[in-house]
Structures are given as structure tokens and as C-alpha cells.
C-alpha atoms as a PDB file:
ATOM      1  CA  MET A   1      -2.558 -30.702  -4.914  1.00  0.00           C
ATOM      2  CA  THR A   2      -2.076 -34.468  -4.884  1.00  0.00           C
ATOM      3  CA  LEU A   3       1.096 -33.893  -6.911  1.00  0.00           C
ATOM      4  CA  ILE A   4       2.734 -32.583  -3.761  1.00  0.00           C
ATOM      5  CA  PHE A   5       1.969 -35.539  -1.540  1.00  0.00           C
ATOM      6  CA  ASP A   6      -0.554 -38.325  -1.278  1.00  0.00           C
ATOM      7  CA  GLN A   7      -2.964 -38.747   1.594  1.00  0.00           C
ATOM      8  CA  THR A   8      -3.580 -42.323   2.653  1.00  0.00           C
ATOM      9  CA  THR A   9      -5.076 -41.931   6.135  1.00  0.00           C
ATOM     10  CA  PRO A  10      -8.133 -44.240   6.254  1.00  0.00           C
ATOM     11  CA  LEU A  11     -11.511 -42.562   6.723  1.00  0.00           C
ATOM     12  CA  THR A  12     -13.674 -45.668   6.998  1.00  0.00           C
ATOM     13  CA  ASP A  13     -14.698 -44.847  10.576  1.00  0.00           C
ATOM     14  CA  LEU A  14     -15.950 -41.330   9.781  1.00  0.00           C
ATOM     15  CA  SER A  15     -19.654 -40.618   9.515  1.00  0.00           C
ATOM     16  CA  PRO A  16     -21.220 -39.823   6.119  1.00  0.00           C
ATOM     17  CA  ALA A  17     -21.783 -36.239   7.322  1.00  0.00           C
ATOM     18  CA  SER A  18     -18.083 -35.859   8.111  1.00  0.00           C
ATOM     19  CA  LEU A  19     -17.071 -37.262   4.747  1.00  0.00           C
ATOM     20  CA  TYR A  20     -19.473 -34.850   3.069  1.00  0.00           C
ATOM     21  CA  ARG A  21     -17.978 -31.886   4.952  1.00  0.00           C
ATOM     22  CA  ALA A  22     -14.454 -32.858   3.885  1.00  0.00           C
ATOM     23  CA  ALA A  23     -15.453 -32.939   0.219  1.00  0.00           C
ATOM     24  CA  SER A  24     -17.685 -29.882   0.561  1.00  0.00           C
ATOM     25  CA  ALA A  25     -14.879 -27.646   1.858  1.00  0.00           C
ATOM     26  CA  HIS A  26     -12.925 -28.308  -1.314  1.00  0.00           C
ATOM     27  CA  ARG A  27     -15.974 -27.790  -3.548  1.00  0.00           C
ATOM     28  CA  LEU A  28     -16.869 -24.492  -1.879  1.00  0.00           C
ATOM     29  CA  LEU A  29     -13.425 -23.015  -2.490  1.00  0.00           C
ATOM     30  CA  LEU A  30     -13.425 -24.359  -6.033  1.00  0.00           C
ATOM     31  CA  LEU A  31     -16.810 -22.707  -6.627  1.00  0.00           C
ATOM     32  CA  ALA A  32     -15.492 -19.389  -5.337  1.00  0.00           C
ATOM     33  CA  LEU A  33     -12.432 -19.680  -7.585  1.00  0.00           C
ATOM     34  CA  GLY A  34     -14.626 -20.385 -10.597  1.00  0.00           C
ATOM     35  CA  PHE A  35     -16.866 -17.435  -9.719  1.00  0.00           C
ATOM     36  CA  GLN A  36     -13.905 -15.031  -9.804  1.00  0.00           C
ATOM     37  CA  ILE A  37     -12.810 -16.343 -13.193  1.00  0.00           C
ATOM     38  CA  ALA A  38     -16.367 -16.247 -14.559  1.00  0.00           C
ATOM     39  CA  LEU A  39     -16.691 -12.554 -13.672  1.00  0.00           C
ATOM     40  CA  ALA A  40     -13.185 -11.698 -14.875  1.00  0.00           C
ATOM     41  CA  VAL A  41     -13.983 -12.649 -18.486  1.00  0.00           C
ATOM     42  CA  PRO A  42     -16.812 -10.110 -19.029  1.00  0.00           C
ATOM     43  CA  SER A  43     -14.920  -7.544 -16.938  1.00  0.00           C
ATOM     44  CA  LEU A  44     -11.931  -7.872 -19.250  1.00  0.00           C
ATOM     45  CA  ILE A  45     -14.175  -7.470 -22.293  1.00  0.00           C
ATOM     46  CA  ALA A  46     -15.830  -4.424 -20.718  1.00  0.00           C
ATOM     47  CA  LEU A  47     -12.410  -2.904 -20.067  1.00  0.00           C
ATOM     48  CA  GLY A  48     -11.838  -2.808 -23.806  1.00  0.00           C
ATOM     49  CA  ILE A  49     -15.191  -1.310 -24.821  1.00  0.00           C
ATOM     50  CA  ASP A  50     -16.360   0.811 -21.868  1.00  0.00           C
ATOM     51  CA  ASP A  51     -14.709   4.244 -21.733  1.00  0.00           C
ATOM     52  CA  ARG A  52     -16.131   5.352 -18.359  1.00  0.00           C
ATOM     53  CA  LEU A  53     -13.588   6.470 -15.766  1.00  0.00           C
ATOM     54  CA  LEU A  54     -13.405   6.465 -11.964  1.00  0.00           C
ATOM     55  CA  ASN A  55     -10.557   8.288 -10.211  1.00  0.00           C
ATOM     56  CA  GLY A  56      -9.161   8.893 -13.675  1.00  0.00           C
ATOM     57  CA  ILE A  57      -8.933   5.225 -14.740  1.00  0.00           C
ATOM     58  CA  SER A  58     -11.343   2.679 -16.211  1.00  0.00           C
ATOM     59  CA  VAL A  59     -14.188   1.651 -13.917  1.00  0.00           C
ATOM     60  CA  TRP A  60     -13.222  -1.975 -14.678  1.00  0.00           C
ATOM     61  CA  ILE A  61      -9.683  -1.828 -13.303  1.00  0.00           C
ATOM     62  CA  LYS A  62     -10.770  -2.324  -9.675  1.00  0.00           C
ATOM     63  CA  PRO A  63     -13.014  -5.373 -10.256  1.00  0.00           C
ATOM     64  CA  LEU A  64     -10.338  -7.009 -12.405  1.00  0.00           C
ATOM     65  CA  LYS A  65      -7.730  -6.491  -9.675  1.00  0.00           C
ATOM     66  CA  PHE A  66     -10.028  -7.949  -7.042  1.00  0.00           C
ATOM     67  CA  GLN A  67     -11.063 -10.848  -9.270  1.00  0.00           C
ATOM     68  CA  LEU A  68      -7.413 -11.739  -9.788  1.00  0.00           C
ATOM     69  CA  SER A  69      -6.516 -11.268  -6.116  1.00  0.00           C
ATOM     70  CA  LEU A  70      -9.438 -13.329  -4.832  1.00  0.00           C
ATOM     71  CA  ALA A  71      -8.813 -16.039  -7.423  1.00  0.00           C
ATOM     72  CA  VAL A  72      -5.224 -16.292  -6.182  1.00  0.00           C
ATOM     73  CA  MET A  73      -6.429 -16.493  -2.579  1.00  0.00           C
ATOM     74  CA  MET A  74      -8.980 -19.232  -3.313  1.00  0.00           C
ATOM     75  CA  ALA A  75      -6.377 -21.162  -5.312  1.00  0.00           C
ATOM     76  CA  THR A  76      -3.928 -20.829  -2.404  1.00  0.00           C
ATOM     77  CA  LEU A  77      -6.428 -22.244   0.076  1.00  0.00           C
ATOM     78  CA  LEU A  78      -7.218 -25.113  -2.302  1.00  0.00           C
ATOM     79  CA  TRP A  79      -3.505 -25.825  -2.652  1.00  0.00           C
ATOM     80  CA  LEU A  80      -2.955 -25.881   1.113  1.00  0.00           C
ATOM     81  CA  LEU A  81      -6.040 -27.825   2.227  1.00  0.00           C
ATOM     82  CA  PRO A  82      -4.361 -31.249   1.757  1.00  0.00           C
ATOM     83  CA  LEU A  83      -1.762 -30.239   4.346  1.00  0.00           C
ATOM     84  CA  ILE A  84      -4.462 -30.751   6.984  1.00  0.00           C
ATOM     85  CA  ASP A  85      -5.147 -34.146   8.504  1.00  0.00           C
ATOM     86  CA  GLU A  86      -8.179 -35.727   6.846  1.00  0.00           C
ATOM     87  CA  ARG A  87     -10.044 -35.997  10.138  1.00  0.00           C
ATOM     88  CA  ALA A  88      -9.618 -32.266  10.691  1.00  0.00           C
ATOM     89  CA  LEU A  89     -10.706 -31.652   7.090  1.00  0.00           C
ATOM     90  CA  ALA A  90     -13.966 -33.376   7.962  1.00  0.00           C
ATOM     91  CA  SER A  91     -14.565 -31.187  11.034  1.00  0.00           C
ATOM     92  CA  ARG A  92     -17.303 -28.564  11.326  1.00  0.00           C
ATOM     93  CA  GLY A  93     -14.745 -25.859  12.119  1.00  0.00           C
ATOM     94  CA  LEU A  94     -12.773 -26.387   8.930  1.00  0.00           C
ATOM     95  CA  TRP A  95     -15.939 -26.579   6.843  1.00  0.00           C
ATOM     96  CA  LEU A  96     -17.191 -23.338   8.393  1.00  0.00           C
ATOM     97  CA  ALA A  97     -13.891 -21.606   7.583  1.00  0.00           C
ATOM     98  CA  ALA A  98     -14.067 -22.777   3.954  1.00  0.00           C
ATOM     99  CA  PHE A  99     -17.745 -21.810   3.698  1.00  0.00           C
ATOM    100  CA  THR A 100     -17.069 -18.340   5.112  1.00  0.00           C
ATOM    101  CA  ALA A 101     -14.095 -17.785   2.804  1.00  0.00           C
ATOM    102  CA  ALA A 102     -16.045 -18.852  -0.278  1.00  0.00           C
ATOM    103  CA  MET A 103     -19.227 -16.904   0.503  1.00  0.00           C
ATOM    104  CA  THR A 104     -17.489 -13.672   1.467  1.00  0.00           C
ATOM    105  CA  ALA A 105     -15.177 -13.823  -1.564  1.00  0.00           C
ATOM    106  CA  MET A 106     -18.129 -14.270  -3.913  1.00  0.00           C
ATOM    107  CA  GLY A 107     -20.226 -11.625  -2.179  1.00  0.00           C
ATOM    108  CA  GLU A 108     -17.402  -9.074  -2.232  1.00  0.00           C
ATOM    109  CA  ILE A 109     -16.622  -9.504  -5.908  1.00  0.00           C
ATOM    110  CA  ALA A 110     -20.278  -9.535  -6.915  1.00  0.00           C
ATOM    111  CA  TYR A 111     -20.817  -6.101  -5.341  1.00  0.00           C
ATOM    112  CA  ILE A 112     -17.543  -4.646  -6.638  1.00  0.00           C
ATOM    113  CA  THR A 113     -18.382  -5.815 -10.162  1.00  0.00           C
ATOM    114  CA  LEU A 114     -21.961  -4.541  -9.912  1.00  0.00           C
ATOM    115  CA  GLN A 115     -20.757  -1.105  -8.827  1.00  0.00           C
ATOM    116  CA  ALA A 116     -18.310  -1.000 -11.726  1.00  0.00           C
ATOM    117  CA  ALA A 117     -21.142  -1.825 -14.127  1.00  0.00           C
ATOM    118  CA  ARG A 118     -23.090   1.094 -12.612  1.00  0.00           C
ATOM    119  CA  GLY A 119     -20.070   3.386 -12.922  1.00  0.00           C
ATOM    120  CA  ARG A 120     -20.014   3.809  -9.144  1.00  0.00           C
ATOM    121  CA  ALA A 121     -17.282   3.365  -6.541  1.00  0.00           C
ATOM    122  CA  SER A 122     -17.549   0.329  -4.289  1.00  0.00           C
ATOM    123  CA  HIS A 123     -14.980   1.526  -1.737  1.00  0.00           C
ATOM    124  CA  PHE A 124     -15.032   4.756   0.300  1.00  0.00           C
ATOM    125  CA  ASN A 125     -18.496   5.468  -1.069  1.00  0.00           C
ATOM    126  CA  ASP A 126     -21.112   6.835   1.314  1.00  0.00           C
ATOM    127  CA  SER A 127     -22.949   8.884  -1.314  1.00  0.00           C
ATOM    128  CA  THR A 128     -26.227   7.094  -0.627  1.00  0.00           C
ATOM    129  CA  PRO A 129     -27.489   5.240   2.469  1.00  0.00           C
ATOM    130  CA  ILE A 130     -27.443   1.936   0.566  1.00  0.00           C
ATOM    131  CA  GLU A 131     -23.883   2.413  -0.663  1.00  0.00           C
ATOM    132  CA  ALA A 132     -22.715   3.475   2.794  1.00  0.00           C
ATOM    133  CA  THR A 133     -24.308   0.358   4.277  1.00  0.00           C
ATOM    134  CA  MET A 134     -22.813  -1.878   1.602  1.00  0.00           C
ATOM    135  CA  TYR A 135     -19.359  -0.420   2.203  1.00  0.00           C
ATOM    136  CA  SER A 136     -19.687  -1.294   5.892  1.00  0.00           C
ATOM    137  CA  ILE A 137     -20.877  -4.798   5.026  1.00  0.00           C
ATOM    138  CA  MET A 138     -17.934  -5.180   2.666  1.00  0.00           C
ATOM    139  CA  GLY A 139     -15.571  -4.309   5.493  1.00  0.00           C
ATOM    140  CA  ILE A 140     -17.083  -6.982   7.729  1.00  0.00           C
ATOM    141  CA  ALA A 141     -17.053  -9.543   4.928  1.00  0.00           C
ATOM    142  CA  ALA A 142     -13.409  -8.797   4.111  1.00  0.00           C
ATOM    143  CA  ALA A 143     -12.459  -9.276   7.768  1.00  0.00           C
ATOM    144  CA  LEU A 144     -14.314 -12.604   7.893  1.00  0.00           C
ATOM    145  CA  LEU A 145     -12.607 -13.732   4.693  1.00  0.00           C
ATOM    146  CA  VAL A 146      -9.167 -13.006   6.110  1.00  0.00           C
ATOM    147  CA  LEU A 147     -10.022 -14.577   9.466  1.00  0.00           C
ATOM    148  CA  SER A 148     -11.136 -17.720   7.633  1.00  0.00           C
ATOM    149  CA  ALA A 149      -7.682 -17.973   6.083  1.00  0.00           C
ATOM    150  CA  LEU A 150      -6.159 -17.538   9.546  1.00  0.00           C
ATOM    151  CA  VAL A 151      -8.282 -20.397  10.896  1.00  0.00           C
ATOM    152  CA  ILE A 152      -7.163 -22.661   8.046  1.00  0.00           C
ATOM    153  CA  GLY A 153      -3.573 -21.690   8.834  1.00  0.00           C
ATOM    154  CA  VAL A 154      -4.061 -22.726  12.458  1.00  0.00           C
ATOM    155  CA  TYR A 155      -5.449 -26.081  11.311  1.00  0.00           C
ATOM    156  CA  ILE A 156      -2.379 -26.608   9.111  1.00  0.00           C
ATOM    157  CA  LEU A 157      -0.016 -26.048  12.037  1.00  0.00           C
ATOM    158  CA  THR A 158      -1.981 -27.880  14.722  1.00  0.00           C
ATOM    159  CA  ARG A 159      -3.646 -30.684  12.740  1.00  0.00           C
ATOM    160  CA  PRO A 160      -1.229 -31.422   9.899  1.00  0.00           C
ATOM    161  CA  SER A 161      -1.392 -34.438   7.645  1.00  0.00           C
ATOM    162  CA  PRO A 162       1.297 -36.955   8.658  1.00  0.00           C
ATOM    163  CA  LEU A 163       2.556 -36.790   5.080  1.00  0.00           C
ATOM    164  CA  ALA A 164       2.753 -32.995   4.851  1.00  0.00           C
ATOM    165  CA  PRO A 165       6.287 -31.783   3.984  1.00  0.00           C
ATOM    166  CA  ALA A 166       7.756 -29.666   6.789  1.00  0.00           C
ATOM    167  CA  GLY A 167       8.561 -26.609   4.687  1.00  0.00           C
ATOM    168  CA  LEU A 168       5.208 -26.419   2.971  1.00  0.00           C
ATOM    169  CA  ARG A 169       3.374 -27.078   6.244  1.00  0.00           C
ATOM    170  CA  LEU A 170       5.236 -24.335   8.112  1.00  0.00           C
ATOM    171  CA  GLY A 171       5.136 -21.945   5.164  1.00  0.00           C
ATOM    172  CA  GLY A 172       1.449 -22.593   4.542  1.00  0.00           C
ATOM    173  CA  GLY A 173       0.409 -22.321   8.177  1.00  0.00           C
ATOM    174  CA  TRP A 174       2.465 -19.278   9.086  1.00  0.00           C
ATOM    175  CA  GLY A 175       1.864 -17.677   5.707  1.00  0.00           C
ATOM    176  CA  LEU A 176      -1.897 -17.719   6.244  1.00  0.00           C
ATOM    177  CA  ILE A 177      -1.661 -16.632   9.884  1.00  0.00           C
ATOM    178  CA  LEU A 178       0.856 -13.800   9.453  1.00  0.00           C
ATOM    179  CA  GLY A 179      -0.698 -12.734   6.161  1.00  0.00           C
ATOM    180  CA  ALA A 180      -4.130 -12.572   7.769  1.00  0.00           C
ATOM    181  CA  ILE A 181      -2.976 -10.576  10.798  1.00  0.00           C
ATOM    182  CA  LEU A 182      -0.983  -8.056   8.772  1.00  0.00           C
ATOM    183  CA  THR A 183      -3.744  -7.798   6.169  1.00  0.00           C
ATOM    184  CA  LEU A 184      -6.242  -6.902   8.885  1.00  0.00           C
ATOM    185  CA  ILE A 185      -3.892  -4.276  10.325  1.00  0.00           C
ATOM    186  CA  THR A 186      -3.127  -2.641   6.984  1.00  0.00           C
ATOM    187  CA  ALA A 187      -6.766  -2.886   5.864  1.00  0.00           C
ATOM    188  CA  PHE A 188      -7.895  -1.091   9.038  1.00  0.00           C
ATOM    189  CA  ALA A 189      -5.372   1.689   8.407  1.00  0.00           C
ATOM    190  CA  LEU A 190      -6.476   1.874   4.779  1.00  0.00           C
ATOM    191  CA  GLY A 191     -10.195   1.874   5.465  1.00  0.00           C
ATOM    192  CA  SER A 192     -10.265   4.108   8.516  1.00  0.00           C
ATOM    193  CA  GLY A 193      -9.497   7.296   6.639  1.00  0.00           C
ATOM    194  CA  GLN A 194      -7.324   8.461   9.533  1.00  0.00           C
ATOM    195  CA  ILE A 195      -4.134   8.557   7.453  1.00  0.00           C
ATOM    196  CA  GLY A 196      -4.313  11.083   4.656  1.00  0.00           C
ATOM    197  CA  GLY A 197      -8.109  11.181   4.659  1.00  0.00           C
ATOM    198  CA  PRO A 198     -10.553   8.822   2.911  1.00  0.00           C
ATOM    199  CA  GLY A 199      -8.937   6.735   0.203  1.00  0.00           C
ATOM    200  CA  HIS A 200      -5.591   5.059  -0.258  1.00  0.00           C
ATOM    201  CA  TRP A 201      -3.601   8.216  -1.036  1.00  0.00           C
ATOM    202  CA  VAL A 202      -1.311   9.941   1.482  1.00  0.00           C
ATOM    203  CA  GLY A 203      -0.155  13.247   0.095  1.00  0.00           C
ATOM    204  CA  GLY A 204       0.455  13.659  -3.594  1.00  0.00           C
ATOM    205  CA  ILE A 205      -2.289  13.959  -6.192  1.00  0.00           C
ATOM    206  CA  ARG A 206      -5.482  12.126  -5.274  1.00  0.00           C
ATOM    207  CA  THR A 207      -5.900  10.334  -8.576  1.00  0.00           C
ATOM    208  CA  ASP A 208      -5.022   6.906  -9.951  1.00  0.00           C
ATOM    209  CA  VAL A 209      -3.917   8.393 -13.280  1.00  0.00           C
ATOM    210  CA  GLY A 210      -0.233   7.745 -13.953  1.00  0.00           C
ATOM    211  CA  GLY A 211       0.062   5.123 -11.226  1.00  0.00           C
ATOM    212  CA  LEU A 212       2.781   2.483 -11.136  1.00  0.00           C
ATOM    213  CA  PRO A 213       2.312   0.175 -14.143  1.00  0.00           C
ATOM    214  CA  LEU A 214       0.334  -3.006 -13.419  1.00  0.00           C
ATOM    215  CA  PHE A 215      -0.291  -2.083  -9.771  1.00  0.00           C
ATOM    216  CA  GLY A 216      -1.575   1.472 -10.156  1.00  0.00           C
ATOM    217  CA  TRP A 217       0.101   2.688  -6.963  1.00  0.00           C
ATOM    218  CA  SER A 218       0.580   6.427  -6.642  1.00  0.00           C
ATOM    219  CA  ARG A 219       3.850   7.879  -7.910  1.00  0.00           C
ATOM    220  CA  THR A 220       3.240  11.355  -6.488  1.00  0.00           C
ATOM    221  CA  GLY A 221       2.740  10.439  -2.816  1.00  0.00           C
ATOM    222  CA  GLY A 222       2.264   7.590  -0.390  1.00  0.00           C
ATOM    223  CA  ASP A 223      -0.162   4.753  -1.143  1.00  0.00           C
ATOM    224  CA  LEU A 224      -1.547   2.546   1.624  1.00  0.00           C
ATOM    225  CA  ARG A 225      -2.345  -0.162  -0.901  1.00  0.00           C
ATOM    226  CA  VAL A 226       1.368  -1.005  -1.027  1.00  0.00           C
ATOM    227  CA  PRO A 227       1.756  -2.488   2.500  1.00  0.00           C
ATOM    228  CA  HIS A 228      -1.710  -4.020   2.165  1.00  0.00           C
ATOM    229  CA  PHE A 229      -0.572  -5.815  -1.004  1.00  0.00           C
ATOM    230  CA  PHE A 230       2.590  -7.171   0.573  1.00  0.00           C
ATOM    231  CA  ALA A 231       0.695  -8.224   3.718  1.00  0.00           C
ATOM    232  CA  THR A 232      -1.939 -10.131   1.757  1.00  0.00           C
ATOM    233  CA  HIS A 233       0.568 -11.937  -0.444  1.00  0.00           C
ATOM    234  CA  ILE A 234       2.520 -13.315   2.482  1.00  0.00           C
ATOM    235  CA  MET A 235      -0.174 -15.999   2.169  1.00  0.00           C
ATOM    236  CA  GLN A 236       1.483 -17.079  -1.086  1.00  0.00           C
ATOM    237  CA  ALA A 237       5.093 -16.075  -0.479  1.00  0.00           C
ATOM    238  CA  LEU A 238       5.763 -18.271   2.570  1.00  0.00           C
ATOM    239  CA  PRO A 239       4.113 -21.436   1.166  1.00  0.00           C
ATOM    240  CA  ILE A 240       6.120 -21.025  -2.052  1.00  0.00           C
ATOM    241  CA  LEU A 241       9.268 -20.563   0.029  1.00  0.00           C
ATOM    242  CA  GLY A 242       8.404 -23.709   1.978  1.00  0.00           C
ATOM    243  CA  PHE A 243       7.793 -25.623  -1.247  1.00  0.00           C
ATOM    244  CA  VAL A 244      11.239 -24.597  -2.537  1.00  0.00           C
ATOM    245  CA  LEU A 245      12.947 -25.436   0.761  1.00  0.00           C
ATOM    246  CA  ASP A 246      11.414 -28.915   0.789  1.00  0.00           C
ATOM    247  CA  ARG A 247      13.002 -29.622  -2.559  1.00  0.00           C
ATOM    248  CA  PHE A 248      16.409 -28.034  -2.191  1.00  0.00           C
ATOM    249  CA  LEU A 249      17.108 -27.533   1.541  1.00  0.00           C
ATOM    250  CA  PRO A 250      14.740 -29.845   3.427  1.00  0.00           C
ATOM    251  CA  GLY A 251      16.877 -29.776   6.550  1.00  0.00           C
ATOM    252  CA  GLN A 252      16.632 -25.988   6.759  1.00  0.00           C
ATOM    253  CA  ALA A 253      12.857 -25.680   6.409  1.00  0.00           C
ATOM    254  CA  ARG A 254      12.191 -24.334   9.890  1.00  0.00           C
ATOM    255  CA  LEU A 255      15.033 -21.789   9.774  1.00  0.00           C
ATOM    256  CA  GLY A 256      14.165 -20.762   6.228  1.00  0.00           C
ATOM    257  CA  ILE A 257      10.486 -20.140   7.032  1.00  0.00           C
ATOM    258  CA  ALA A 258      11.446 -18.181  10.164  1.00  0.00           C
ATOM    259  CA  ALA A 259      13.765 -15.988   8.098  1.00  0.00           C
ATOM    260  CA  GLY A 260      11.092 -15.566   5.440  1.00  0.00           C
ATOM    261  CA  ALA A 261       8.520 -14.582   8.042  1.00  0.00           C
ATOM    262  CA  VAL A 262      10.818 -11.936   9.549  1.00  0.00           C
ATOM    263  CA  ALA A 263      11.624 -10.576   6.099  1.00  0.00           C
ATOM    264  CA  SER A 264       7.922 -10.449   5.188  1.00  0.00           C
ATOM    265  CA  ILE A 265       7.018  -8.519   8.327  1.00  0.00           C
ATOM    266  CA  ALA A 266       9.919  -6.125   7.670  1.00  0.00           C
ATOM    267  CA  VAL A 267       8.724  -5.438   4.110  1.00  0.00           C
ATOM    268  CA  VAL A 268       5.183  -4.691   5.281  1.00  0.00           C
ATOM    269  CA  ALA A 269       6.433  -2.436   8.089  1.00  0.00           C
ATOM    270  CA  ALA A 270       8.858  -0.576   5.807  1.00  0.00           C
ATOM    271  CA  THR A 271       6.296   0.043   3.064  1.00  0.00           C
ATOM    272  CA  PHE A 272       3.714   1.114   5.641  1.00  0.00           C
ATOM    273  CA  VAL A 273       6.088   3.704   7.108  1.00  0.00           C
ATOM    274  CA  GLN A 274       6.984   4.815   3.593  1.00  0.00           C
ATOM    275  CA  ALA A 275       3.312   5.313   2.702  1.00  0.00           C
ATOM    276  CA  VAL A 276       2.502   7.161   5.927  1.00  0.00           C
ATOM    277  CA  ARG A 277       5.389   9.540   5.197  1.00  0.00           C
ATOM    278  CA  ALA A 278       3.773  10.259   1.803  1.00  0.00           C
ATOM    279  CA  VAL A 279       6.686   8.740  -0.103  1.00  0.00           C
ATOM    280  CA  PRO A 280       5.868   6.832  -3.323  1.00  0.00           C
ATOM    281  CA  PHE A 281       6.863   3.160  -3.423  1.00  0.00           C
ATOM    282  CA  LEU A 282       8.845   3.808  -6.608  1.00  0.00           C
END
């Protein structure tokens, strides 16, 4: 992170509690990142030796996907934190956002991994009262996780470090905000069961067997995971775009991020309509 820019704003007048919060926000996200990686190693081993299936594919595919996705999200937040003014980094609001993101990410993946170990579904599972309750809790936790990213995005735009490059600041802030909003919208559509019934399938065969390589998206009908994927990864796409603009077209950072944001929204909207119409992504 310090390879991108250095922060030299003096903090000598901040209280010890504020200094602790600033360091703690970073440590919390780093802990959550490490937790995802720590669970991914045994999950990957289990993938090779456990032949149990769920929806036609290994029970370990889902936890591995979530471990990778959440690791990327925690790494993104760690990358973007230095874009925030150091005084804002030491605030209670920023610390609470980092704490919420870290705790919900670790709680989500712990349950998803546990259910895989039990050979049980973590999502769309109301087979028992406990599993139905946990699925509801997961939904709340996922919303809080995404909202935490949105809050960090607001901090980046409204309380930026004076040394933050324009492209990365705009890409990071708007990437987290737009990504969070569109993720919540697509997640609600995905989790509500009102489009195509419970699950991510819309039309086609309700199985994950023969899905698109790497992603697993349905190739026989629509799949609501597609717009959800593109919505979530706006959080990485726009910061990367901003990073590139800062290096090659620094004078066009604002225009470039605006164009990227419009294109990102268009991709999510187009893939959502495609899924609702029961058309495979590819």
C-alpha cells in the first residue's frame, strides 16, 4: 500500500485511543484476510479427497469460491485504506466499518465451510430450524459486510489523504460505493427466490453440473450469480482503472472513472436482464 503513495500527515496531536483505532482497522482486515487463506488450504485439500456432492458438484466448491472472493474483498479494503486521511482513519466510524467488515467476513466463511464439512448447503437451506435461522443471519451479515465497504468508500471520497492520487481515490471511492449498492440489489434478487424460485437458476436445469468453467454458471438457463459477480467486482475494477489512469492518463482520471462507472452499471444491468430472461451468460 505504501508503494502507491506515502502518508506524512503528522499525528502527534491524536489521542492514544485514536492512534490505536487507526492501527486496529488495518489489523482487523488483515486478520480477516488471513482467516480466508487459512480456511482455503484445508478446503483445497478436502476438494481432492472428499467425493461428496451438492447440486451435482463437490461440497467444497462453494467454500473455496467464497474464501477466494472474501480474500479479494479484504485485500481490496486493505489496499484502499491509505487513501483516507489519517485523522479519519483514527475515527470511531472508520474503525467500526473495518470491524464490521472483518467480523462478518469471518463469520460468513466459518459457517459456509462448516456446512461443507457436514455435507450440507449453507445457502437456500431451511431444512432445519437452525439452518433456516443461520441462513437469515448470513443474509444480514452479508448486507452489513457490503455496507461496511460502502462506508469506507464514502470516507475515501469525503476524507481523502492529501497525497491520494485522483484516479485511485475516485476509482476506490466510487468502486466501493457503486459495487456495494449493486451488490445489495443483485443479492436481494438472488436471495428472495422471486425470480425462478429458490436458488440462483432461472429456467434451464437446476444443477451446477456442466457449469461454465471456473465460475460454474449455468449453461442451460439464466444464472443470477452472473450480475451479482459483476456487481461485487466493481469494487476492484474501478480502483484498478483509477490506478492505471494515474500512471498513463492522469489528466483524464475523472472522465475515465465516470466512463468506467457507467460501463460497470451497464454490464450489471445487461447480465441481470439476461439472467431474468433465462438466457445463459455464455
